[in-house]
C-alpha atoms as a PDB file:
ATOM      1  CA  MET A   1     -14.763 -54.475  58.909  1.00  0.00           C
ATOM      2  CA  ARG A   2     -14.100 -52.169  55.994  1.00  0.00           C
ATOM      3  CA  ALA A   3     -17.309 -51.420  53.692  1.00  0.00           C
ATOM      4  CA  ARG A   4     -16.575 -53.558  50.358  1.00  0.00           C
ATOM      5  CA  ARG A   5     -19.752 -52.689  48.882  1.00  0.00           C
ATOM      6  CA  THR A   6     -18.509 -51.838  45.095  1.00  0.00           C
ATOM      7  CA  THR A   7     -14.831 -52.037  44.386  1.00  0.00           C
ATOM      8  CA  LEU A   8     -13.461 -50.414  41.333  1.00  0.00           C
ATOM      9  CA  SER A   9     -11.190 -50.929  39.144  1.00  0.00           C
ATOM     10  CA  VAL A  10      -9.101 -48.477  37.684  1.00  0.00           C
ATOM     11  CA  PRO A  11      -5.928 -49.301  34.989  1.00  0.00           C
ATOM     12  CA  GLY A  12      -2.938 -48.175  37.234  1.00  0.00           C
ATOM     13  CA  SER A  13      -1.099 -47.339  33.749  1.00  0.00           C
ATOM     14  CA  ASN A  14      -4.256 -44.752  33.219  1.00  0.00           C
ATOM     15  CA  PRO A  15      -4.365 -41.307  35.142  1.00  0.00           C
ATOM     16  CA  ARG A  16      -7.274 -39.957  33.726  1.00  0.00           C
ATOM     17  CA  PHE A  17      -9.487 -42.521  34.965  1.00  0.00           C
ATOM     18  CA  ILE A  18      -7.324 -42.828  38.372  1.00  0.00           C
ATOM     19  CA  GLU A  19      -8.253 -38.934  39.455  1.00  0.00           C
ATOM     20  CA  LYS A  20     -11.323 -39.445  37.991  1.00  0.00           C
ATOM     21  CA  ALA A  21     -11.502 -42.259  40.614  1.00  0.00           C
ATOM     22  CA  GLN A  22     -11.155 -40.035  43.749  1.00  0.00           C
ATOM     23  CA  GLY A  23     -14.419 -38.134  43.104  1.00  0.00           C
ATOM     24  CA  LEU A  24     -16.426 -41.675  42.505  1.00  0.00           C
ATOM     25  CA  PRO A  25     -18.742 -42.675  45.332  1.00  0.00           C
ATOM     26  CA  ALA A  26     -17.436 -46.571  45.532  1.00  0.00           C
ATOM     27  CA  ASP A  27     -16.040 -47.915  48.660  1.00  0.00           C
ATOM     28  CA  GLU A  28     -13.081 -48.453  47.723  1.00  0.00           C
ATOM     29  CA  VAL A  29     -10.696 -48.188  44.700  1.00  0.00           C
ATOM     30  CA  LEU A  30      -8.481 -50.849  43.159  1.00  0.00           C
ATOM     31  CA  LEU A  31      -5.215 -49.746  40.735  1.00  0.00           C
ATOM     32  CA  ASP A  32      -4.225 -52.749  38.633  1.00  0.00           C
ATOM     33  CA  LEU A  33      -0.864 -53.585  38.276  1.00  0.00           C
ATOM     34  CA  GLU A  34      -2.297 -57.029  36.784  1.00  0.00           C
ATOM     35  CA  ASP A  35      -5.101 -57.194  33.649  1.00  0.00           C
ATOM     36  CA  ALA A  36      -5.410 -53.956  32.613  1.00  0.00           C
ATOM     37  CA  VAL A  37      -2.149 -52.688  31.986  1.00  0.00           C
ATOM     38  CA  ALA A  38      -0.235 -54.366  29.360  1.00  0.00           C
ATOM     39  CA  PRO A  39       3.264 -56.003  29.600  1.00  0.00           C
ATOM     40  CA  SER A  40       5.163 -52.903  28.264  1.00  0.00           C
ATOM     41  CA  ALA A  41       3.525 -50.363  30.500  1.00  0.00           C
ATOM     42  CA  LYS A  42       3.308 -52.108  34.043  1.00  0.00           C
ATOM     43  CA  GLU A  43       6.557 -50.968  35.069  1.00  0.00           C
ATOM     44  CA  GLU A  44       5.759 -46.888  34.352  1.00  0.00           C
ATOM     45  CA  ALA A  45       1.728 -48.024  35.691  1.00  0.00           C
ATOM     46  CA  ARG A  46       3.665 -48.398  39.556  1.00  0.00           C
ATOM     47  CA  LYS A  47       4.997 -45.171  39.578  1.00  0.00           C
ATOM     48  CA  LEU A  48       1.793 -43.948  38.873  1.00  0.00           C
ATOM     49  CA  VAL A  49      -0.031 -46.183  41.239  1.00  0.00           C
ATOM     50  CA  ILE A  50       2.701 -44.555  43.773  1.00  0.00           C
ATOM     51  CA  ALA A  51       2.156 -41.534  42.765  1.00  0.00           C
ATOM     52  CA  ALA A  52      -2.026 -41.206  42.808  1.00  0.00           C
ATOM     53  CA  LEU A  53      -1.399 -42.997  46.562  1.00  0.00           C
ATOM     54  CA  ASN A  54       0.570 -40.214  47.602  1.00  0.00           C
ATOM     55  CA  GLU A  55      -0.670 -37.344  46.406  1.00  0.00           C
ATOM     56  CA  GLY A  56      -4.284 -38.457  45.531  1.00  0.00           C
ATOM     57  CA  ASP A  57      -7.241 -37.829  48.079  1.00  0.00           C
ATOM     58  CA  TRP A  58      -9.022 -40.590  48.670  1.00  0.00           C
ATOM     59  CA  THR A  59     -11.406 -39.946  51.527  1.00  0.00           C
ATOM     60  CA  GLY A  60     -13.736 -42.380  52.283  1.00  0.00           C
ATOM     61  CA  LYS A  61     -11.662 -44.943  50.521  1.00  0.00           C
ATOM     62  CA  THR A  62     -10.420 -48.368  50.971  1.00  0.00           C
ATOM     63  CA  ARG A  63      -6.722 -47.787  48.821  1.00  0.00           C
ATOM     64  CA  VAL A  64      -6.349 -51.483  47.629  1.00  0.00           C
ATOM     65  CA  VAL A  65      -3.242 -52.636  44.461  1.00  0.00           C
ATOM     66  CA  ARG A  66      -3.392 -56.141  42.494  1.00  0.00           C
ATOM     67  CA  ILE A  67      -0.482 -57.063  41.967  1.00  0.00           C
ATOM     68  CA  ASN A  68       0.891 -59.600  38.824  1.00  0.00           C
ATOM     69  CA  ASP A  69       0.379 -62.315  39.771  1.00  0.00           C
ATOM     70  CA  LEU A  70       2.942 -65.282  41.569  1.00  0.00           C
ATOM     71  CA  GLY A  71       3.529 -66.685  37.989  1.00  0.00           C
ATOM     72  CA  THR A  72       5.298 -63.324  36.726  1.00  0.00           C
ATOM     73  CA  ARG A  73       8.766 -61.616  36.842  1.00  0.00           C
ATOM     74  CA  TRP A  74       6.827 -58.466  38.068  1.00  0.00           C
ATOM     75  CA  ALA A  75       5.371 -59.663  41.193  1.00  0.00           C
ATOM     76  CA  TYR A  76       7.869 -58.957  43.267  1.00  0.00           C
ATOM     77  CA  ARG A  77       8.825 -55.586  42.308  1.00  0.00           C
ATOM     78  CA  ASP A  78       5.272 -54.344  42.784  1.00  0.00           C
ATOM     79  CA  VAL A  79       5.120 -55.540  46.314  1.00  0.00           C
ATOM     80  CA  ILE A  80       8.707 -54.045  46.909  1.00  0.00           C
ATOM     81  CA  GLU A  81       7.972 -50.829  45.219  1.00  0.00           C
ATOM     82  CA  VAL A  82       4.595 -49.738  46.052  1.00  0.00           C
ATOM     83  CA  VAL A  83       4.719 -50.127  49.701  1.00  0.00           C
ATOM     84  CA  GLU A  84       8.252 -49.001  49.757  1.00  0.00           C
ATOM     85  CA  GLY A  85       6.805 -45.792  48.023  1.00  0.00           C
ATOM     86  CA  ALA A  86       3.620 -45.477  49.490  1.00  0.00           C
ATOM     87  CA  GLY A  87       2.895 -48.082  52.272  1.00  0.00           C
ATOM     88  CA  ALA A  88       1.658 -45.046  54.568  1.00  0.00           C
ATOM     89  CA  ASN A  89      -1.687 -44.772  51.945  1.00  0.00           C
ATOM     90  CA  LEU A  90      -1.896 -48.177  51.556  1.00  0.00           C
ATOM     91  CA  ASP A  91      -4.810 -50.161  53.243  1.00  0.00           C
ATOM     92  CA  ALA A  92      -4.467 -53.846  50.964  1.00  0.00           C
ATOM     93  CA  ILE A  93      -2.802 -55.285  48.405  1.00  0.00           C
ATOM     94  CA  MET A  94      -5.082 -57.943  46.731  1.00  0.00           C
ATOM     95  CA  LEU A  95      -3.207 -60.940  45.379  1.00  0.00           C
ATOM     96  CA  PRO A  96      -4.055 -62.625  42.360  1.00  0.00           C
ATOM     97  CA  LYS A  97      -4.432 -66.480  41.236  1.00  0.00           C
ATOM     98  CA  ALA A  98      -4.013 -67.074  44.447  1.00  0.00           C
ATOM     99  CA  GLN A  99      -3.751 -70.857  44.532  1.00  0.00           C
ATOM    100  CA  ASP A 100      -3.079 -71.899  47.487  1.00  0.00           C
ATOM    101  CA  ALA A 101      -1.678 -70.670  51.294  1.00  0.00           C
ATOM    102  CA  GLY A 102       1.692 -70.107  50.273  1.00  0.00           C
ATOM    103  CA  HIS A 103       0.913 -67.840  48.547  1.00  0.00           C
ATOM    104  CA  VAL A 104      -0.866 -65.814  50.579  1.00  0.00           C
ATOM    105  CA  GLN A 105       2.165 -66.584  52.790  1.00  0.00           C
ATOM    106  CA  TRP A 106       4.558 -65.590  50.819  1.00  0.00           C
ATOM    107  CA  LEU A 107       3.259 -61.684  50.658  1.00  0.00           C
ATOM    108  CA  ASP A 108       2.432 -61.316  54.096  1.00  0.00           C
ATOM    109  CA  ARG A 109       6.267 -62.292  54.879  1.00  0.00           C
ATOM    110  CA  LEU A 110       7.501 -60.063  51.816  1.00  0.00           C
ATOM    111  CA  LEU A 111       5.075 -57.195  53.392  1.00  0.00           C
ATOM    112  CA  THR A 112       6.533 -58.140  57.270  1.00  0.00           C
ATOM    113  CA  GLN A 113      10.102 -57.225  55.648  1.00  0.00           C
ATOM    114  CA  ILE A 114       9.257 -54.282  54.555  1.00  0.00           C
ATOM    115  CA  GLU A 115       6.966 -52.381  56.696  1.00  0.00           C
ATOM    116  CA  LEU A 116       9.738 -53.194  59.029  1.00  0.00           C
ATOM    117  CA  ALA A 117      12.473 -51.835  57.192  1.00  0.00           C
ATOM    118  CA  MET A 118       9.930 -48.825  56.323  1.00  0.00           C
ATOM    119  CA  GLY A 119       9.633 -48.514  59.469  1.00  0.00           C
ATOM    120  CA  LEU A 120       5.361 -48.754  58.685  1.00  0.00           C
ATOM    121  CA  PRO A 121       3.312 -50.609  61.388  1.00  0.00           C
ATOM    122  CA  ALA A 122       3.570 -54.649  60.780  1.00  0.00           C
ATOM    123  CA  GLY A 123       0.859 -56.055  60.155  1.00  0.00           C
ATOM    124  CA  ARG A 124      -1.363 -53.252  58.981  1.00  0.00           C
ATOM    125  CA  ILE A 125      -2.074 -53.787  55.623  1.00  0.00           C
ATOM    126  CA  GLY A 126      -3.911 -56.204  54.486  1.00  0.00           C
ATOM    127  CA  ILE A 127      -4.584 -58.764  52.095  1.00  0.00           C
ATOM    128  CA  GLU A 128      -7.552 -59.474  49.331  1.00  0.00           C
ATOM    129  CA  ALA A 129      -7.358 -62.392  47.559  1.00  0.00           C
ATOM    130  CA  GLN A 130      -8.585 -63.780  44.158  1.00  0.00           C
ATOM    131  CA  ILE A 131     -10.465 -67.047  43.362  1.00  0.00           C
ATOM    132  CA  GLU A 132     -10.138 -68.034  40.343  1.00  0.00           C
ATOM    133  CA  ASP A 133      -9.475 -71.505  39.218  1.00  0.00           C
ATOM    134  CA  ALA A 134     -10.637 -74.767  40.185  1.00  0.00           C
ATOM    135  CA  ARG A 135      -7.425 -75.357  42.327  1.00  0.00           C
ATOM    136  CA  ALA A 136      -8.278 -71.914  44.261  1.00  0.00           C
ATOM    137  CA  MET A 137     -11.962 -73.119  44.621  1.00  0.00           C
ATOM    138  CA  VAL A 138     -10.213 -76.497  45.720  1.00  0.00           C
ATOM    139  CA  ASN A 139      -8.137 -75.088  48.634  1.00  0.00           C
ATOM    140  CA  ALA A 140     -10.960 -71.683  49.150  1.00  0.00           C
ATOM    141  CA  ASP A 141     -10.421 -73.079  53.283  1.00  0.00           C
ATOM    142  CA  ALA A 142      -6.154 -72.944  53.170  1.00  0.00           C
ATOM    143  CA  ILE A 143      -5.990 -70.300  51.712  1.00  0.00           C
ATOM    144  CA  ALA A 144      -8.845 -68.616  53.741  1.00  0.00           C
ATOM    145  CA  ALA A 145      -6.885 -69.359  56.726  1.00  0.00           C
ATOM    146  CA  SER A 146      -3.923 -68.222  55.513  1.00  0.00           C
ATOM    147  CA  SER A 147      -2.891 -65.077  57.334  1.00  0.00           C
ATOM    148  CA  PRO A 148      -4.205 -62.981  59.906  1.00  0.00           C
ATOM    149  CA  ARG A 149      -3.758 -60.616  57.154  1.00  0.00           C
ATOM    150  CA  LEU A 150      -6.421 -61.924  54.958  1.00  0.00           C
ATOM    151  CA  GLU A 151      -9.390 -59.443  54.783  1.00  0.00           C
ATOM    152  CA  SER A 152     -11.638 -60.662  51.690  1.00  0.00           C
ATOM    153  CA  LEU A 153     -12.318 -63.576  48.467  1.00  0.00           C
ATOM    154  CA  VAL A 154     -12.793 -61.866  45.256  1.00  0.00           C
ATOM    155  CA  LEU A 155     -13.740 -63.811  43.283  1.00  0.00           C
ATOM    156  CA  GLY A 156     -12.361 -64.159  39.763  1.00  0.00           C
ATOM    157  CA  PRO A 157     -14.904 -65.134  37.648  1.00  0.00           C
ATOM    158  CA  GLY A 158     -13.759 -64.789  33.790  1.00  0.00           C
ATOM    159  CA  ASP A 159      -9.890 -66.618  34.678  1.00  0.00           C
ATOM    160  CA  LEU A 160     -12.052 -68.852  36.834  1.00  0.00           C
ATOM    161  CA  MET A 161     -14.449 -70.177  34.230  1.00  0.00           C
ATOM    162  CA  ALA A 162     -12.091 -70.200  31.870  1.00  0.00           C
ATOM    163  CA  SER A 163     -10.079 -72.700  34.436  1.00  0.00           C
ATOM    164  CA  LEU A 164     -14.027 -74.567  34.248  1.00  0.00           C
ATOM    165  CA  ASN A 165     -13.811 -74.557  31.193  1.00  0.00           C
ATOM    166  CA  MET A 166     -17.352 -73.717  31.040  1.00  0.00           C
ATOM    167  CA  LYS A 167     -18.520 -72.719  27.806  1.00  0.00           C
ATOM    168  CA  THR A 168     -19.294 -68.661  27.551  1.00  0.00           C
ATOM    169  CA  LEU A 169     -17.845 -66.283  26.466  1.00  0.00           C
ATOM    170  CA  VAL A 170     -19.652 -63.473  28.481  1.00  0.00           C
ATOM    171  CA  VAL A 171     -17.992 -63.032  32.413  1.00  0.00           C
ATOM    172  CA  GLY A 172     -20.780 -63.000  34.668  1.00  0.00           C
ATOM    173  CA  GLU A 173     -23.993 -64.579  32.720  1.00  0.00           C
ATOM    174  CA  GLN A 174     -24.548 -68.030  32.639  1.00  0.00           C
ATOM    175  CA  PRO A 175     -23.068 -70.523  30.461  1.00  0.00           C
ATOM    176  CA  PRO A 176     -25.319 -71.256  26.746  1.00  0.00           C
ATOM    177  CA  GLY A 177     -27.734 -74.326  27.151  1.00  0.00           C
ATOM    178  CA  TYR A 178     -27.486 -74.276  31.415  1.00  0.00           C
ATOM    179  CA  THR A 179     -31.035 -73.841  32.203  1.00  0.00           C
ATOM    180  CA  GLU A 180     -31.387 -75.258  35.587  1.00  0.00           C
ATOM    181  CA  GLY A 181     -30.522 -73.481  38.160  1.00  0.00           C
ATOM    182  CA  ASP A 182     -27.511 -71.400  38.409  1.00  0.00           C
ATOM    183  CA  ALA A 183     -23.911 -72.417  37.920  1.00  0.00           C
ATOM    184  CA  TYR A 184     -22.487 -70.268  39.808  1.00  0.00           C
ATOM    185  CA  HIS A 185     -24.626 -71.012  42.665  1.00  0.00           C
ATOM    186  CA  HIS A 186     -21.921 -73.878  44.070  1.00  0.00           C
ATOM    187  CA  ILE A 187     -18.763 -71.669  43.574  1.00  0.00           C
ATOM    188  CA  LEU A 188     -20.466 -68.221  45.385  1.00  0.00           C
ATOM    189  CA  MET A 189     -21.481 -70.526  48.335  1.00  0.00           C
ATOM    190  CA  ARG A 190     -18.128 -72.722  48.731  1.00  0.00           C
ATOM    191  CA  ILE A 191     -15.758 -69.097  48.301  1.00  0.00           C
ATOM    192  CA  LEU A 192     -18.851 -67.218  50.726  1.00  0.00           C
ATOM    193  CA  ILE A 193     -18.479 -70.377  53.498  1.00  0.00           C
ATOM    194  CA  ALA A 194     -14.587 -70.455  53.338  1.00  0.00           C
ATOM    195  CA  ALA A 195     -14.793 -66.489  54.429  1.00  0.00           C
ATOM    196  CA  ARG A 196     -17.146 -66.888  56.650  1.00  0.00           C
ATOM    197  CA  ALA A 197     -15.631 -69.247  58.330  1.00  0.00           C
ATOM    198  CA  HIS A 198     -13.056 -67.625  59.281  1.00  0.00           C
ATOM    199  CA  GLY A 199     -13.806 -64.429  59.676  1.00  0.00           C
ATOM    200  CA  LEU A 200     -13.292 -62.941  56.676  1.00  0.00           C
ATOM    201  CA  GLN A 201     -15.410 -60.358  54.198  1.00  0.00           C
ATOM    202  CA  ALA A 202     -16.477 -62.130  50.305  1.00  0.00           C
ATOM    203  CA  ILE A 203     -16.578 -59.728  47.125  1.00  0.00           C
ATOM    204  CA  ASP A 204     -18.359 -61.310  44.119  1.00  0.00           C
ATOM    205  CA  GLY A 205     -16.529 -60.247  40.730  1.00  0.00           C
ATOM    206  CA  PRO A 206     -17.127 -57.639  38.244  1.00  0.00           C
ATOM    207  CA  TYR A 207     -20.127 -58.312  35.208  1.00  0.00           C
ATOM    208  CA  PHE A 208     -17.725 -56.965  32.014  1.00  0.00           C
ATOM    209  CA  ASN A 209     -20.834 -55.887  30.353  1.00  0.00           C
ATOM    210  CA  ILE A 210     -20.707 -51.914  31.746  1.00  0.00           C
ATOM    211  CA  LYS A 211     -23.614 -50.824  29.418  1.00  0.00           C
ATOM    212  CA  ASP A 212     -26.303 -53.104  31.133  1.00  0.00           C
ATOM    213  CA  VAL A 213     -26.996 -51.637  34.766  1.00  0.00           C
ATOM    214  CA  ASP A 214     -30.247 -54.213  34.957  1.00  0.00           C
ATOM    215  CA  ALA A 215     -28.672 -57.194  34.022  1.00  0.00           C
ATOM    216  CA  PHE A 216     -25.147 -55.662  36.253  1.00  0.00           C
ATOM    217  CA  THR A 217     -28.349 -55.107  39.085  1.00  0.00           C
ATOM    218  CA  ARG A 218     -29.838 -58.696  38.549  1.00  0.00           C
ATOM    219  CA  VAL A 219     -26.613 -60.501  38.888  1.00  0.00           C
ATOM    220  CA  ALA A 220     -25.168 -58.227  41.915  1.00  0.00           C
ATOM    221  CA  GLU A 221     -28.779 -59.198  43.691  1.00  0.00           C
ATOM    222  CA  ARG A 222     -28.224 -62.606  43.405  1.00  0.00           C
ATOM    223  CA  ALA A 223     -24.901 -62.551  45.491  1.00  0.00           C
ATOM    224  CA  ALA A 224     -26.088 -59.944  47.700  1.00  0.00           C
ATOM    225  CA  ALA A 225     -28.766 -62.265  48.944  1.00  0.00           C
ATOM    226  CA  LEU A 226     -26.663 -65.547  49.459  1.00  0.00           C
ATOM    227  CA  GLY A 227     -24.117 -62.969  51.941  1.00  0.00           C
ATOM    228  CA  PHE A 228     -21.874 -61.985  49.684  1.00  0.00           C
ATOM    229  CA  ASP A 229     -20.216 -58.304  51.462  1.00  0.00           C
ATOM    230  CA  GLY A 230     -19.994 -56.590  47.811  1.00  0.00           C
ATOM    231  CA  LYS A 231     -19.002 -56.843  44.142  1.00  0.00           C
ATOM    232  CA  TRP A 232     -16.635 -55.030  41.547  1.00  0.00           C
ATOM    233  CA  VAL A 233     -17.207 -52.570  39.618  1.00  0.00           C
ATOM    234  CA  LEU A 234     -15.482 -51.589  36.229  1.00  0.00           C
ATOM    235  CA  HIS A 235     -17.489 -48.428  35.083  1.00  0.00           C
ATOM    236  CA  PRO A 236     -18.770 -45.777  36.825  1.00  0.00           C
ATOM    237  CA  ALA A 237     -22.350 -46.556  35.812  1.00  0.00           C
ATOM    238  CA  GLN A 238     -22.143 -49.774  37.988  1.00  0.00           C
ATOM    239  CA  ILE A 239     -21.786 -47.729  41.325  1.00  0.00           C
ATOM    240  CA  GLU A 240     -24.528 -46.257  42.549  1.00  0.00           C
ATOM    241  CA  ALA A 241     -26.786 -49.964  41.513  1.00  0.00           C
ATOM    242  CA  GLY A 242     -24.010 -51.909  43.221  1.00  0.00           C
ATOM    243  CA  ASN A 243     -24.221 -49.559  46.536  1.00  0.00           C
ATOM    244  CA  ALA A 244     -28.181 -49.611  46.717  1.00  0.00           C
ATOM    245  CA  VAL A 245     -27.998 -53.855  46.241  1.00  0.00           C
ATOM    246  CA  PHE A 246     -25.214 -54.291  49.115  1.00  0.00           C
ATOM    247  CA  SER A 247     -26.867 -51.656  51.480  1.00  0.00           C
ATOM    248  CA  PRO A 248     -30.038 -52.542  53.813  1.00  0.00           C
ATOM    249  CA  SER A 249     -32.786 -50.875  53.074  1.00  0.00           C
ATOM    250  CA  GLN A 250     -33.996 -48.361  55.544  1.00  0.00           C
ATOM    251  CA  ASP A 251     -36.778 -50.045  56.818  1.00  0.00           C
ATOM    252  CA  ASP A 252     -34.783 -53.272  57.074  1.00  0.00           C
ATOM    253  CA  TYR A 253     -32.093 -51.178  59.583  1.00  0.00           C
ATOM    254  CA  ASP A 254     -34.014 -49.562  61.194  1.00  0.00           C
ATOM    255  CA  ARG A 255     -35.566 -52.489  62.551  1.00  0.00           C
ATOM    256  CA  ALA A 256     -32.484 -54.835  62.971  1.00  0.00           C
ATOM    257  CA  GLU A 257     -31.635 -51.913  64.685  1.00  0.00           C
ATOM    258  CA  ARG A 258     -34.208 -51.993  66.720  1.00  0.00           C
ATOM    259  CA  ILE A 259     -34.067 -55.789  67.560  1.00  0.00           C
ATOM    260  CA  LEU A 260     -30.784 -54.888  68.947  1.00  0.00           C
ATOM    261  CA  ASP A 261     -31.515 -52.054  70.998  1.00  0.00           C
ATOM    262  CA  ALA A 262     -35.039 -54.556  72.246  1.00  0.00           C
ATOM    263  CA  TYR A 263     -32.953 -57.352  72.844  1.00  0.00           C
ATOM    264  CA  ASP A 264     -30.149 -55.987  74.464  1.00  0.00           C
ATOM    265  CA  HIS A 265     -33.056 -53.573  76.747  1.00  0.00           C
ATOM    266  CA  SER A 266     -34.784 -57.333  77.426  1.00  0.00           C
ATOM    267  CA  VAL A 267     -31.323 -59.119  78.931  1.00  0.00           C
ATOM    268  CA  THR A 268     -29.425 -56.218  80.676  1.00  0.00           C
ATOM    269  CA  VAL A 269     -32.600 -54.677  82.091  1.00  0.00           C
ATOM    270  CA  GLU A 270     -35.335 -57.022  82.651  1.00  0.00           C
ATOM    271  CA  GLY A 271     -33.094 -60.262  82.833  1.00  0.00           C
ATOM    272  CA  ARG A 272     -34.962 -61.863  80.499  1.00  0.00           C
ATOM    273  CA  GLY A 273     -33.109 -64.166  76.697  1.00  0.00           C
ATOM    274  CA  ALA A 274     -36.187 -63.352  75.108  1.00  0.00           C
ATOM    275  CA  ALA A 275     -37.852 -60.367  73.402  1.00  0.00           C
ATOM    276  CA  ARG A 276     -41.245 -58.381  72.091  1.00  0.00           C
ATOM    277  CA  LEU A 277     -41.115 -56.311  69.293  1.00  0.00           C
ATOM    278  CA  GLY A 278     -44.094 -55.739  68.678  1.00  0.00           C
ATOM    279  CA  ASP A 279     -46.753 -58.918  67.299  1.00  0.00           C
ATOM    280  CA  GLU A 280     -42.898 -61.228  67.100  1.00  0.00           C
ATOM    281  CA  MET A 281     -40.988 -62.818  69.519  1.00  0.00           C
ATOM    282  CA  ILE A 282     -37.465 -62.300  68.997  1.00  0.00           C
ATOM    283  CA  ASP A 283     -33.924 -64.114  70.622  1.00  0.00           C
ATOM    284  CA  GLU A 284     -30.371 -64.696  70.298  1.00  0.00           C
ATOM    285  CA  ALA A 285     -30.404 -65.594  67.282  1.00  0.00           C
ATOM    286  CA  SER A 286     -32.894 -62.950  65.750  1.00  0.00           C
ATOM    287  CA  ARG A 287     -29.910 -61.162  67.613  1.00  0.00           C
ATOM    288  CA  LYS A 288     -27.477 -62.638  65.342  1.00  0.00           C
ATOM    289  CA  MET A 289     -29.584 -62.072  62.040  1.00  0.00           C
ATOM    290  CA  ALA A 290     -30.336 -58.538  63.138  1.00  0.00           C
ATOM    291  CA  LEU A 291     -26.540 -57.867  64.306  1.00  0.00           C
ATOM    292  CA  VAL A 292     -25.746 -58.259  60.575  1.00  0.00           C
ATOM    293  CA  VAL A 293     -28.080 -55.621  58.294  1.00  0.00           C
ATOM    294  CA  ALA A 294     -27.764 -53.160  61.230  1.00  0.00           C
ATOM    295  CA  ALA A 295     -23.214 -54.132  60.741  1.00  0.00           C
ATOM    296  CA  LYS A 296     -23.814 -53.528  57.450  1.00  0.00           C
ATOM    297  CA  GLY A 297     -25.826 -50.206  57.744  1.00  0.00           C
ATOM    298  CA  ARG A 298     -23.554 -48.757  59.910  1.00  0.00           C
ATOM    299  CA  ALA A 299     -20.848 -49.500  57.396  1.00  0.00           C
ATOM    300  CA  ALA A 300     -22.573 -48.348  54.564  1.00  0.00           C
ATOM    301  CA  GLY A 301     -23.255 -45.118  56.751  1.00  0.00           C
ATOM    302  CA  MET A 302     -26.874 -45.052  57.666  1.00  0.00           C
ATOM    303  CA  THR A 303     -29.058 -43.504  60.344  1.00  0.00           C
ATOM    304  CA  ARG A 304     -31.963 -44.441  61.906  1.00  0.00           C
ATOM    305  CA  SER A 305     -34.811 -42.741  60.685  1.00  0.00           C
ATOM    306  CA  ARG A 306     -37.104 -44.760  64.160  1.00  0.00           C
ATOM    307  CA  SER A 307     -36.432 -43.900  67.718  1.00  0.00           C
ATOM    308  CA  VAL A 308     -36.132 -47.248  69.483  1.00  0.00           C
ATOM    309  CA  GLY A 309     -39.015 -45.710  70.726  1.00  0.00           C
ATOM    310  CA  ASP A 310     -41.668 -47.068  68.863  1.00  0.00           C
ATOM    311  CA  ALA A 311     -40.049 -50.618  69.991  1.00  0.00           C
ATOM    312  CA  ALA A 312     -42.673 -52.880  71.651  1.00  0.00           C
ATOM    313  CA  LEU A 313     -41.768 -54.436  74.837  1.00  0.00           C
ATOM    314  CA  GLY A 314     -43.554 -56.861  76.398  1.00  0.00           C
ATOM    315  CA  ASP A 315     -43.602 -59.699  78.157  1.00  0.00           C
ATOM    316  CA  ALA A 316     -40.920 -62.125  76.799  1.00  0.00           C
ATOM    317  CA  SER A 317     -42.465 -65.538  78.365  1.00  0.00           C
ATOM    318  CA  PRO A 318     -43.804 -67.775  75.614  1.00  0.00           C
ATOM    319  CA  GLY A 319     -47.518 -67.811  75.559  1.00  0.00           C
ATOM    320  CA  ASN A 320     -47.751 -63.797  75.726  1.00  0.00           C
END
C-alpha cells in the first residue's frame, strides 16, 4: 500500500500553495477541486491542477485530485479533463460524498473509458472514497467492496457531523456536552472495519484548528491507536506531527522486524510453529501483529537500527 500518514489538502485554485506543497514532507498531496475552490474558480482550477501534475516535481508523493461530488455539474468534467490532461501523472482520484457503491462504480467505469481512449494502463488510477454522511456510514461495507480501484476510505468529519446534527462548530473536537467517552469512536471503527474487511487503508479526516498542533496530535493519536493509516493535514505545521504519530517508534519497528525474522527462522530452519524471542514466546499471531508494525515502518521509509543477531532464539516448546 502507498504511504498515507499525511494527506496534505491544497486548493487547486492556488498556484502558490501548489508550488509550496511539492517541497513539503507529506506522503500524499491532494489537489482539491471541491470545497476549497469557489464555484466561479472551478474551471480555471482544473487547468492549474493539470499543469501542476504535468510540470511539478512530486517525487516521493502520492498525487491525488479531489473532484466535485456527483450531485454537482462539475464532477464529470473534472474527471474527463484531469485524466485526459494528466492521467499519466496521477495516482488516484478522491470521490467526495460517496454515498453508496454506485457512486464509486460510476467513477470506476468513467476512468476505464478514459484510460482506454487515451492509451493509459486500464485500472492503474486508484480511487479514494470519502465517507461524509449518515447514508455513507450505513453503506460503508458496500462502498468498500465496490471497486478493485478503491485504495482507501476517508472520513469527512465536517459534512458527517452536519449530517448527524452534531451540536458542535469545531471539526474534529468532541461536541459540547458530550462528556462520556468519545463521540467519534463508532464512526471511526465503522470506517476502519469496513476498510480492513476489504483490504483498504483507513484515513482520518482533518483537524481544522491549524495553529493548535498539540490538539491535532492528540486527535491523530486517537485514530492511530485504533489502527488508522493516516490523517488529512491542512497546514504544513501539522505534517511533521502527523508523520510521527502514524509511524512506529524506532524501537517498535526494530522489534517487529526481529519478531518476523525469529518466527521465520523457527518455521523454516527449525520446523517449529513457535519461537522464543528473549523471554517472550511468539507464534503466528505474533507474526501478524509484527507485520502490521513492520509494514507501517517500511512504508514510512524506516530502516533497522538493530540486527537480528540480538534475537535470542530458543526452544519453542511451551515449557521453556
